[in-house]
Amino acid sequence: MGEQRYALRQIFRRFRARLKRKRLRETTVLAVTGSCGKTTTTSFLGKVLSDHCHGFVGIRDNDENSIMRNLKKVKRSDRFFLQEVSGEAPGAMTRKVKVLCPDIGIVTTIGQDHYRSFRTLEATAREKGALIESLPAHGFAVLNADDPHVANMAKRAKARVLTYGLSEGAEVRATDVESCWPKRLSMTITYQGQSVRLETNLFGDLLIPSVLGAVAGALAVGMDLKRCVDSLTGIESFPRRMSIHQSRQGAWFVNDAGKAPFWGVAKVLALLAHVNAPRVTVVFGTFSDTKGADSDKYRQTAREALKIADRVCFVGPKAAYVRKRITPELEGRLFVMESAQAAIRHLREDVIKDELILIKSANRDHLERLIYGQSAELKCWKQSCPKMISCHHCEESGLMCGDGRDES
């Protein structure tokens, strides 16, 4: 009976959401999906659109019920409704786009984030591609030309197609990219014969697709390239998505503790090969949702990371998989720590000014605590926490001041 009541309530929620969507005749609805990069792309695009008109941005909470709640908050006077959308299981995207009825759909990348649900990249692409199939003929399908699984979605589109990327055939294209740390990411963006230089406050070149996806999405709405670049000049990353922080001791942290599918770890490690710093440290927590034995994944990561970084740390229960790799020649380079507390102590006691410390872990680890713990006392030491918010927004952490600011 409980399941039946929930199913009936869900049918009623969808009906009300679709009625609300029909009333938003003057509101452009945009949906962003992809295996990775969708949160950052949504954040950047929301910044560009919000700088020039009023609207609503639904970010990070991308399940069906959250989308319907966000839809209720959109006003008829809003010029846009931008929503991040996940296709986490077969059929999920179809249900969501029936509610959203987007005018513009943006697809970032196809990867193995939901391996247990889809098993293959082709199956993942079919699910994400339901967004593109749903778009009306007067709409826009904004596609990453550098990802073949995304680019192939153009064949499924009734809508006009706008591509972005580094590829020569991309309509919104980045060239002259510079990103060697301590320099921040900069590039020249070209569209329809116009070229504009963009200087960001981002780390490395991994976020180029998110920048270009945001620009292409805004162009699809009708904005011009110069206004898009003006809005993104000096942009910082979304929290825990390669966000940059400096400790009181002068070390630089790159916080990528929001998600860690194993297929993306090598991409993050590659960024460290182009770093100019007195010492490079990488800290790994838990990897998520990938095929193969956990022990093999962690040992492989240790081998590859030690080729690039000066120090490699593994934190949490899975760290034990690499303990046997700590040989005398790796003493002082490879570390295994069972808890975030131990890792904080280690990073406090051994730090170099202008050292670069990159943190890569799944959300449940909340290894952003390694950054905040450099200068503040934390109260929460849960080894696993399902909250999607960062610790400095959580009352349990002890980092919140009375006015809601981060104590650190």
Protein backbone atom coordinates (compact mmCIF):
# COMPACT_ATOMS: atom_id res chain seq x y z
CA MET A 1 0.00 0.00 0.00
CA GLY A 2 2.86 2.40 0.82
CA GLU A 3 4.40 1.93 -2.62
CA GLN A 4 1.03 2.45 -4.30
CA ARG A 5 0.45 5.72 -2.41
CA TYR A 6 3.91 6.94 -3.36
CA ALA A 7 3.30 6.03 -7.03
CA LEU A 8 -0.01 7.93 -7.02
CA ARG A 9 1.59 10.97 -5.39
CA GLN A 10 4.35 10.86 -7.99
CA ILE A 11 1.82 10.82 -10.82
CA PHE A 12 0.08 13.83 -9.29
CA ARG A 13 3.41 15.69 -8.84
CA ARG A 14 4.30 15.11 -12.49
CA PHE A 15 0.89 16.32 -13.61
CA ARG A 16 1.22 19.55 -11.61
CA ALA A 17 4.80 20.06 -12.83
CA ARG A 18 3.73 19.70 -16.46
CA LEU A 19 0.93 22.20 -15.94
CA LYS A 20 3.41 24.64 -14.44
CA ARG A 21 5.77 24.12 -17.40
CA LYS A 22 2.98 24.96 -19.86
CA ARG A 23 2.45 28.30 -18.11
CA LEU A 24 6.09 29.29 -18.64
CA ARG A 25 5.59 30.28 -22.26
CA GLU A 26 8.03 33.20 -22.14
CA THR A 27 10.72 31.34 -20.19
CA THR A 28 13.58 29.61 -22.02
CA VAL A 29 14.25 26.25 -20.38
CA LEU A 30 17.78 24.85 -20.58
CA ALA A 31 18.92 21.40 -19.41
CA VAL A 32 22.53 20.28 -18.90
CA THR A 33 23.55 16.63 -18.70
CA GLY A 34 26.64 14.47 -19.06
CA SER A 35 28.76 12.02 -17.11
CA CYS A 36 30.97 14.75 -15.75
CA GLY A 37 31.19 18.51 -16.04
CA LYS A 38 27.46 19.16 -15.86
CA THR A 39 27.54 20.86 -12.45
CA THR A 40 30.40 23.16 -13.44
CA THR A 41 28.86 23.89 -16.84
CA THR A 42 25.54 24.72 -15.17
CA SER A 43 27.33 26.96 -12.67
CA PHE A 44 29.22 28.87 -15.39
CA LEU A 45 26.18 29.18 -17.66
CA GLY A 46 24.04 30.32 -14.75
CA LYS A 47 26.58 33.07 -14.07
CA VAL A 48 26.50 34.27 -17.69
CA LEU A 49 22.70 34.27 -17.96
CA SER A 50 22.11 35.79 -14.51
CA ASP A 51 24.45 38.68 -15.31
CA HIS A 52 22.12 39.79 -18.08
CA CYS A 53 18.59 38.72 -17.16
CA HIS A 54 16.57 37.26 -14.29
CA GLY A 55 16.02 33.53 -14.03
CA PHE A 56 16.33 30.42 -11.89
CA VAL A 57 19.26 27.98 -11.73
CA GLY A 58 18.75 24.42 -10.48
CA ILE A 59 22.15 22.97 -9.72
CA ARG A 60 23.54 19.79 -8.12
CA ASP A 61 20.15 18.43 -6.92
CA ASN A 62 19.18 16.79 -10.20
CA ASP A 63 16.82 13.94 -9.31
CA GLU A 64 13.25 14.05 -10.58
CA ASN A 65 11.66 15.33 -7.37
CA SER A 66 14.25 18.11 -7.00
CA ILE A 67 13.63 19.17 -10.59
CA MET A 68 9.88 19.34 -9.96
CA ARG A 69 10.44 21.38 -6.78
CA ASN A 70 12.66 23.77 -8.71
CA LEU A 71 10.08 24.11 -11.45
CA LYS A 72 7.55 25.25 -8.85
CA LYS A 73 9.91 28.08 -7.86
CA VAL A 74 10.24 29.49 -11.37
CA LYS A 75 8.21 32.66 -11.95
CA ARG A 76 6.44 33.57 -15.16
CA SER A 77 8.58 36.71 -15.27
CA ASP A 78 11.81 34.66 -15.30
CA ARG A 79 13.59 34.85 -18.64
CA PHE A 80 15.27 31.48 -18.19
CA PHE A 81 15.15 28.27 -16.14
CA LEU A 82 18.47 26.41 -16.19
CA GLN A 83 18.48 22.90 -14.71
CA GLU A 84 21.21 20.30 -14.25
CA VAL A 85 19.82 16.86 -15.15
CA SER A 86 21.24 13.43 -14.35
CA GLY A 87 20.54 10.28 -16.32
CA GLU A 88 21.59 7.94 -13.55
CA ALA A 89 19.53 4.89 -14.56
CA PRO A 90 17.70 3.61 -17.65
CA GLY A 91 14.58 5.69 -18.28
CA ALA A 92 15.46 8.45 -15.81
CA MET A 93 16.24 11.04 -18.49
CA THR A 94 13.01 10.39 -20.36
CA ARG A 95 10.93 10.95 -17.21
CA LYS A 96 12.74 14.20 -16.43
CA VAL A 97 12.55 15.75 -19.90
CA LYS A 98 8.82 15.03 -20.04
CA VAL A 99 8.50 17.36 -17.06
CA LEU A 100 11.06 19.95 -18.16
CA CYS A 101 10.27 20.12 -21.90
CA PRO A 102 13.58 21.95 -22.48
CA ASP A 103 14.17 24.33 -25.36
CA ILE A 104 17.95 23.95 -25.19
CA GLY A 105 19.88 20.82 -24.21
CA ILE A 106 23.61 20.73 -23.43
CA VAL A 107 25.59 17.48 -23.22
CA THR A 108 29.10 17.59 -21.75
CA THR A 109 30.78 14.16 -21.81
CA ILE A 110 30.05 10.45 -21.75
CA GLY A 111 31.95 8.37 -19.19
CA GLN A 112 31.57 5.46 -16.80
CA ASP A 113 30.15 7.27 -13.76
CA HIS A 114 27.12 4.97 -13.63
CA TYR A 115 28.83 1.75 -14.63
CA ARG A 116 26.51 -0.45 -12.58
CA SER A 117 23.48 1.00 -14.37
CA PHE A 118 24.75 1.08 -17.96
CA ARG A 119 27.93 -1.07 -18.24
CA THR A 120 28.94 0.47 -21.61
CA LEU A 121 29.56 3.98 -22.90
CA GLU A 122 27.09 3.33 -25.71
CA ALA A 123 24.31 2.57 -23.21
CA THR A 124 25.19 5.69 -21.23
CA ALA A 125 25.08 7.78 -24.42
CA ARG A 126 21.66 6.39 -25.33
CA GLU A 127 20.30 7.47 -21.95
CA LYS A 128 21.83 10.98 -22.02
CA GLY A 129 20.78 11.34 -25.66
CA ALA A 130 17.12 11.20 -24.66
CA LEU A 131 17.55 14.87 -23.75
CA ILE A 132 18.59 15.71 -27.32
CA GLU A 133 15.73 13.68 -28.82
CA SER A 134 13.23 15.61 -26.71
CA LEU A 135 14.20 19.05 -28.01
CA PRO A 136 11.80 20.88 -30.34
CA ALA A 137 12.78 21.86 -33.88
CA HIS A 138 13.09 25.53 -32.86
CA GLY A 139 15.44 24.62 -30.01
CA PHE A 140 19.19 23.98 -29.81
CA ALA A 141 21.22 20.85 -29.12
CA VAL A 142 24.56 22.06 -27.71
CA LEU A 143 27.10 19.23 -28.08
CA ASN A 144 30.74 18.62 -27.16
CA ALA A 145 32.49 18.05 -30.49
CA ASP A 146 35.55 16.53 -28.76
CA ASP A 147 33.59 13.57 -27.36
CA PRO A 148 32.53 11.22 -30.19
CA HIS A 149 29.65 9.75 -28.16
CA VAL A 150 28.27 13.25 -27.62
CA ALA A 151 28.95 14.48 -31.16
CA ASN A 152 27.04 11.49 -32.58
CA MET A 153 23.92 12.69 -30.78
CA ALA A 154 23.51 15.27 -33.56
CA LYS A 155 21.96 12.47 -35.64
CA ARG A 156 19.17 12.15 -33.06
CA ALA A 157 18.31 15.84 -32.95
CA LYS A 158 15.31 17.56 -34.49
CA ALA A 159 16.66 20.81 -33.04
CA ARG A 160 19.43 22.94 -34.50
CA VAL A 161 22.89 21.74 -33.45
CA LEU A 162 25.62 23.95 -31.99
CA THR A 163 28.98 22.29 -31.28
CA TYR A 164 31.82 23.35 -29.01
CA GLY A 165 35.33 22.10 -28.26
CA LEU A 166 38.98 22.16 -29.27
CA SER A 167 38.32 20.33 -32.54
CA GLU A 168 38.73 22.29 -35.76
CA GLY A 169 35.14 21.56 -36.73
CA ALA A 170 33.67 22.93 -33.49
CA GLU A 171 31.54 26.05 -34.01
CA VAL A 172 32.46 27.46 -30.59
CA ARG A 173 36.19 26.73 -30.41
CA ALA A 174 39.03 27.34 -27.97
CA THR A 175 42.57 27.99 -29.20
CA ASP A 176 45.82 29.33 -27.73
CA VAL A 177 45.12 27.60 -24.41
CA GLU A 178 47.44 28.35 -21.48
CA SER A 179 47.10 26.58 -18.13
CA CYS A 180 50.53 25.79 -16.67
CA TRP A 181 50.27 26.32 -12.90
CA PRO A 182 50.72 28.80 -11.23
CA LYS A 183 49.16 30.42 -14.30
CA ARG A 184 45.40 30.05 -14.44
CA LEU A 185 43.46 28.78 -17.42
CA SER A 186 43.15 31.19 -20.34
CA MET A 187 42.08 30.70 -23.95
CA THR A 188 40.87 32.45 -27.07
CA ILE A 189 37.26 31.60 -27.93
CA THR A 190 36.11 31.89 -31.53
CA TYR A 191 32.55 31.88 -32.89
CA GLN A 192 31.36 32.93 -36.34
CA GLY A 193 34.58 34.75 -37.14
CA GLN A 194 34.79 36.65 -33.84
CA SER A 195 37.59 35.86 -31.37
CA VAL A 196 37.78 37.01 -27.75
CA ARG A 197 40.43 36.24 -25.13
CA LEU A 198 39.20 34.80 -21.82
CA GLU A 199 41.25 34.86 -18.60
CA THR A 200 39.81 32.68 -15.83
CA ASN A 201 40.80 31.79 -12.28
CA LEU A 202 40.65 28.04 -12.97
CA PHE A 203 43.21 25.27 -12.49
CA GLY A 204 44.39 23.32 -15.53
CA ASP A 205 42.69 22.62 -18.82
CA LEU A 206 40.22 19.97 -17.61
CA LEU A 207 37.46 22.57 -17.30
CA ILE A 208 37.71 23.80 -20.89
CA PRO A 209 34.60 21.80 -21.96
CA SER A 210 32.61 23.36 -19.10
CA VAL A 211 33.68 26.87 -20.10
CA LEU A 212 32.89 26.28 -23.77
CA GLY A 213 29.62 24.50 -22.98
CA ALA A 214 28.52 27.51 -20.94
CA VAL A 215 29.47 29.93 -23.70
CA ALA A 216 27.72 27.83 -26.35
CA GLY A 217 24.59 27.56 -24.18
CA ALA A 218 24.46 31.33 -23.78
CA LEU A 219 24.99 31.84 -27.51
CA ALA A 220 22.07 29.50 -28.16
CA VAL A 221 19.90 31.73 -25.97
CA GLY A 222 20.88 34.70 -28.14
CA MET A 223 23.72 36.39 -26.26
CA ASP A 224 26.82 37.64 -28.08
CA LEU A 225 30.32 36.23 -27.54
CA LYS A 226 31.81 39.35 -25.94
CA ARG A 227 29.14 39.48 -23.22
CA CYS A 228 29.66 35.77 -22.49
CA VAL A 229 33.40 36.23 -22.06
CA ASP A 230 32.92 39.33 -19.91
CA SER A 231 30.77 37.31 -17.51
CA LEU A 232 33.30 34.47 -17.30
CA THR A 233 36.40 36.62 -16.87
CA GLY A 234 38.02 35.70 -13.56
CA ILE A 235 35.49 32.89 -12.97
CA GLU A 236 36.25 30.43 -10.16
CA SER A 237 35.21 26.81 -10.13
CA PHE A 238 32.15 25.43 -8.39
CA PRO A 239 33.03 24.25 -4.84
CA ARG A 240 34.70 20.82 -4.76
CA ARG A 241 34.98 20.79 -8.56
CA MET A 242 38.66 21.70 -8.95
CA SER A 243 38.20 24.74 -6.72
CA ILE A 244 41.36 26.53 -5.55
CA HIS A 245 42.17 27.43 -1.93
CA GLN A 246 45.27 28.77 -0.17
CA SER A 247 46.10 27.75 3.38
CA ARG A 248 47.51 30.05 6.06
CA GLN A 249 50.81 28.21 5.68
CA GLY A 250 50.97 29.29 2.02
CA ALA A 251 50.18 25.94 0.39
CA TRP A 252 47.72 25.77 -2.49
CA PHE A 253 44.94 23.19 -2.43
CA VAL A 254 42.93 22.07 -5.46
CA ASN A 255 39.71 20.61 -4.10
CA ASP A 256 38.20 17.94 -6.36
CA ALA A 257 36.40 16.09 -3.58
CA GLY A 258 32.90 16.21 -5.07
CA LYS A 259 33.09 12.97 -7.06
CA ALA A 260 35.71 10.41 -8.09
CA PRO A 261 34.73 7.89 -10.76
CA PHE A 262 37.82 5.83 -11.49
CA TRP A 263 37.73 6.56 -15.23
CA GLY A 264 38.35 10.26 -14.50
CA VAL A 265 41.31 9.84 -12.13
CA ALA A 266 43.90 9.64 -14.91
CA LYS A 267 42.58 12.90 -16.40
CA VAL A 268 43.13 14.69 -13.10
CA LEU A 269 46.60 13.19 -12.66
CA ALA A 270 47.57 14.39 -16.13
CA LEU A 271 47.08 17.98 -14.96
CA LEU A 272 49.93 17.59 -12.48
CA ALA A 273 52.44 16.99 -15.28
CA HIS A 274 52.17 20.68 -16.18
CA VAL A 275 52.65 22.17 -12.73
CA ASN A 276 55.43 24.50 -11.63
CA ALA A 277 55.59 24.17 -7.83
CA PRO A 278 58.28 23.41 -5.22
CA ARG A 279 56.42 20.20 -4.34
CA VAL A 280 53.35 18.42 -5.64
CA THR A 281 51.19 16.26 -3.38
CA VAL A 282 48.10 14.32 -4.40
CA VAL A 283 45.60 12.93 -1.89
CA PHE A 284 43.15 10.19 -2.86
CA GLY A 285 40.04 9.08 -1.02
CA THR A 286 37.42 6.63 -2.29
CA PHE A 287 36.77 5.93 -5.98
CA SER A 288 33.22 5.22 -7.09
CA ASP A 289 31.08 2.99 -9.31
CA THR A 290 33.53 1.30 -11.65
CA LYS A 291 34.23 -2.21 -12.85
CA GLY A 292 37.07 -4.40 -11.62
CA ALA A 293 38.60 -5.21 -8.25
CA ASP A 294 39.10 -2.28 -5.87
CA SER A 295 42.59 -3.44 -4.94
CA ASP A 296 43.77 -3.28 -8.56
CA LYS A 297 42.35 0.22 -9.05
CA TYR A 298 44.06 1.70 -6.00
CA ARG A 299 47.41 0.03 -6.69
CA GLN A 300 47.32 1.15 -10.32
CA THR A 301 46.57 4.70 -9.21
CA ALA A 302 49.47 4.63 -6.78
CA ARG A 303 51.87 3.54 -9.54
CA GLU A 304 50.73 6.25 -11.95
CA ALA A 305 50.58 9.02 -9.35
CA LEU A 306 54.12 8.32 -8.12
CA LYS A 307 55.39 8.96 -11.65
CA ILE A 308 54.07 12.53 -11.50
CA ALA A 309 53.71 13.69 -7.89
CA ASP A 310 56.36 14.09 -5.21
CA ARG A 311 54.03 12.72 -2.52
CA VAL A 312 50.99 10.46 -2.83
CA CYS A 313 48.54 9.94 0.07
CA PHE A 314 45.63 7.52 0.31
CA VAL A 315 43.01 8.23 2.98
CA GLY A 316 40.21 6.03 4.33
CA PRO A 317 39.37 2.33 4.50
CA LYS A 318 40.42 1.60 0.89
CA ALA A 319 43.89 3.05 1.54
CA ALA A 320 44.99 -0.32 2.95
CA TYR A 321 45.14 -1.68 -0.61
CA VAL A 322 48.38 0.22 -1.25
CA ARG A 323 50.04 -0.35 2.13
CA LYS A 324 52.24 -3.17 0.79
CA ARG A 325 53.62 -0.83 -1.87
CA ILE A 326 55.38 1.28 0.78
CA THR A 327 58.92 0.06 0.23
CA PRO A 328 62.10 1.71 1.62
CA GLU A 329 62.65 3.64 -1.62
CA LEU A 330 59.12 5.08 -1.36
CA GLU A 331 59.52 6.10 2.28
CA GLY A 332 58.42 9.73 2.53
CA ARG A 333 56.64 9.62 -0.83
CA LEU A 334 53.77 7.15 -0.39
CA PHE A 335 51.47 7.41 2.64
CA VAL A 336 48.49 5.44 3.92
CA MET A 337 46.17 7.10 6.43
CA GLU A 338 43.05 5.54 7.87
CA SER A 339 41.23 8.80 8.66
CA ALA A 340 40.86 12.41 7.58
CA GLN A 341 42.12 13.45 11.03
CA ALA A 342 45.44 11.70 10.44
CA ALA A 343 45.74 13.28 6.99
CA ILE A 344 45.09 16.77 8.39
CA ARG A 345 47.80 16.32 11.00
CA HIS A 346 50.25 15.12 8.39
CA LEU A 347 49.56 18.03 6.03
CA ARG A 348 49.82 20.52 8.90
CA GLU A 349 53.18 19.22 10.09
CA ASP A 350 54.85 18.88 6.70
CA VAL A 351 54.02 21.72 4.34
CA ILE A 352 56.04 23.89 1.93
CA LYS A 353 55.09 27.41 0.86
CA ASP A 354 53.52 27.35 -2.62
CA GLU A 355 53.26 23.55 -2.55
CA LEU A 356 50.38 22.28 -4.68
CA ILE A 357 48.11 19.71 -2.98
CA LEU A 358 45.38 18.13 -5.11
CA ILE A 359 42.55 16.23 -3.39
CA LYS A 360 40.55 13.68 -5.39
CA SER A 361 37.80 11.69 -3.69
CA ALA A 362 34.15 10.72 -3.75
CA ASN A 363 31.63 13.03 -2.11
CA ARG A 364 30.94 10.71 0.84
CA ASP A 365 34.52 11.09 2.11
CA HIS A 366 34.19 14.88 2.43
CA LEU A 367 37.95 15.29 2.16
CA GLU A 368 37.50 19.04 1.84
CA ARG A 369 38.02 18.72 5.60
CA LEU A 370 41.74 18.43 4.83
CA ILE A 371 41.65 22.06 3.68
CA TYR A 372 39.45 23.54 6.38
CA GLY A 373 41.28 21.55 9.04
CA GLN A 374 44.50 23.43 8.32
CA SER A 375 43.19 26.48 10.18
CA ALA A 376 39.99 25.46 12.01
CA GLU A 377 38.85 22.82 14.47
CA LEU A 378 36.27 20.47 13.04
CA LYS A 379 33.59 18.72 15.08
CA CYS A 380 32.45 16.07 12.62
CA TRP A 381 34.65 13.11 11.71
CA LYS A 382 32.19 10.79 9.99
CA GLN A 383 34.07 8.44 7.71
CA SER A 384 31.16 8.41 5.27
CA CYS A 385 28.46 11.07 4.89
CA PRO A 386 25.81 11.20 2.15
CA LYS A 387 25.24 14.97 2.37
CA MET A 388 25.91 16.63 -0.96
CA ILE A 389 26.80 19.99 0.55
CA SER A 390 30.37 20.94 1.43
CA CYS A 391 31.36 20.70 5.10
CA HIS A 392 31.67 24.47 5.43
CA HIS A 393 27.93 24.71 4.72
CA CYS A 394 27.05 22.03 7.28
CA GLU A 395 26.18 22.89 10.87
CA GLU A 396 27.59 19.58 12.13
CA SER A 397 31.11 20.44 10.95
CA GLY A 398 31.66 23.28 13.41
CA LEU A 399 32.78 25.58 10.61
CA MET A 400 29.65 27.72 10.47
CA CYS A 401 29.56 31.12 12.16
CA GLY A 402 26.31 32.54 13.42
CA ASP A 403 25.87 34.51 10.22
CA GLY A 404 26.40 31.45 8.06
CA ARG A 405 29.97 32.21 7.05
CA ASP A 406 32.87 29.82 6.98
CA GLU A 407 34.97 30.22 10.13
CA SER A 408 38.14 29.32 8.26
